[in-house]
Amino acid sequence: MSSLPKALRDRLHAEYGLRTLELVRKQGARDTTQKFLWRLSDHSLIESVLIPANPALYGEASDRHTLCVSTQVGCPVGCPFCASGKARVLHKQYF
């Protein structure tokens, strides 16, 4: 982003990094929900889930989706459809 001051860009570059995720597994369901299992650079695993809108909410099919992305290894919420919630919180992710 060249619109940021150079000193700020240098500091961001020095203190933060972008790491790629490795897709380990992708699962789909009849309602088109998709679950993704990702491996981080430290070999920890996180999940993301892409959930289609419920047609009952809109009265017809919709192209709306909800995306749930783990920002930590493990999760305190415990959603029954998510493997991340079945593990205790181990550490936060900074992408």
Protein backbone atom coordinates (compact mmCIF):
# COMPACT_ATOMS: atom_id res chain seq x y z
CA MET A 1 0.00 0.00 0.00
CA SER A 2 1.96 2.95 -1.21
CA SER A 3 -0.50 5.48 0.25
CA LEU A 4 0.81 4.75 3.76
CA PRO A 5 3.83 6.68 5.03
CA LYS A 6 7.09 4.84 4.34
CA ALA A 7 8.02 4.73 8.04
CA LEU A 8 4.71 2.98 8.83
CA ARG A 9 5.14 0.53 5.93
CA ASP A 10 8.66 -0.30 7.17
CA ARG A 11 7.39 -0.85 10.72
CA LEU A 12 4.51 -3.06 9.56
CA HIS A 13 6.90 -5.08 7.42
CA ALA A 14 9.30 -5.53 10.35
CA GLU A 15 6.64 -6.50 12.92
CA TYR A 16 4.08 -8.46 10.90
CA GLY A 17 4.12 -11.07 8.19
CA LEU A 18 1.64 -12.78 5.95
CA ARG A 19 1.84 -16.53 5.90
CA THR A 20 0.07 -18.88 3.57
CA LEU A 21 -2.32 -21.56 4.75
CA GLU A 22 -2.21 -25.14 3.51
CA LEU A 23 -5.61 -26.62 2.69
CA VAL A 24 -5.70 -30.01 4.41
CA ARG A 25 -9.33 -31.00 3.78
CA LYS A 26 -12.51 -29.60 2.25
CA GLN A 27 -15.90 -31.10 3.07
CA GLY A 28 -19.29 -30.27 1.60
CA ALA A 29 -22.86 -30.89 2.71
CA ARG A 30 -26.17 -31.17 0.84
CA ASP A 31 -27.16 -27.64 1.82
CA THR A 32 -23.86 -26.45 0.18
CA THR A 33 -22.19 -25.68 3.52
CA GLN A 34 -18.45 -26.10 3.06
CA LYS A 35 -15.90 -26.79 5.79
CA PHE A 36 -12.20 -26.19 5.29
CA LEU A 37 -9.37 -27.47 7.46
CA TRP A 38 -6.18 -25.39 7.23
CA ARG A 39 -2.63 -26.07 8.43
CA LEU A 40 -0.68 -23.08 9.72
CA SER A 41 3.05 -22.51 9.38
CA ASP A 42 3.54 -23.94 12.91
CA HIS A 43 1.56 -27.07 11.85
CA SER A 44 -1.44 -26.18 14.05
CA LEU A 45 -4.87 -26.66 12.46
CA ILE A 46 -7.78 -24.23 12.15
CA GLU A 47 -11.13 -24.43 10.40
CA SER A 48 -13.31 -22.15 8.37
CA VAL A 49 -16.93 -22.78 7.42
CA LEU A 50 -18.87 -21.22 4.54
CA ILE A 51 -22.58 -21.38 5.39
CA PRO A 52 -25.30 -20.56 2.82
CA ALA A 53 -28.21 -18.35 3.80
CA ASN A 54 -31.32 -20.17 4.95
CA PRO A 55 -33.98 -19.79 2.18
CA ALA A 56 -36.63 -19.47 4.91
CA LEU A 57 -35.07 -16.14 5.91
CA TYR A 58 -35.50 -14.59 2.47
CA GLY A 59 -38.46 -16.51 1.02
CA GLU A 60 -36.37 -17.72 -1.89
CA ALA A 61 -32.89 -18.90 -2.72
CA SER A 62 -30.20 -16.37 -1.87
CA ASP A 63 -26.57 -15.93 -2.82
CA ARG A 64 -25.79 -14.72 0.71
CA HIS A 65 -23.32 -16.67 2.83
CA THR A 66 -21.80 -16.48 6.29
CA LEU A 67 -18.09 -17.17 6.63
CA CYS A 68 -16.77 -18.37 9.98
CA VAL A 69 -12.97 -18.14 10.19
CA SER A 70 -10.95 -19.34 13.16
CA THR A 71 -8.64 -16.65 14.46
CA GLN A 72 -7.16 -18.91 17.09
CA VAL A 73 -6.19 -22.54 17.44
CA GLY A 74 -9.07 -23.98 19.41
CA CYS A 75 -12.15 -21.94 20.27
CA PRO A 76 -14.11 -21.20 23.46
CA VAL A 77 -17.50 -20.92 21.70
CA GLY A 78 -18.01 -24.63 21.07
CA CYS A 79 -20.30 -24.61 17.99
CA PRO A 80 -21.39 -28.24 17.49
CA PHE A 81 -20.53 -28.23 13.75
CA CYS A 82 -16.97 -26.96 14.21
CA ALA A 83 -13.96 -29.05 15.23
CA SER A 84 -12.15 -25.93 16.45
CA GLY A 85 -14.72 -25.59 19.23
CA LYS A 86 -13.98 -29.07 20.49
CA ALA A 87 -10.41 -28.12 21.38
CA ARG A 88 -9.43 -25.70 24.08
CA VAL A 89 -7.92 -22.40 22.97
CA LEU A 90 -4.23 -22.98 22.40
CA HIS A 91 -3.11 -19.70 20.84
CA LYS A 92 -4.36 -16.81 18.72
CA GLN A 93 -3.51 -16.37 15.07
CA TYR A 94 -2.30 -13.17 13.53
CA PHE A 95 -2.53 -13.39 9.77
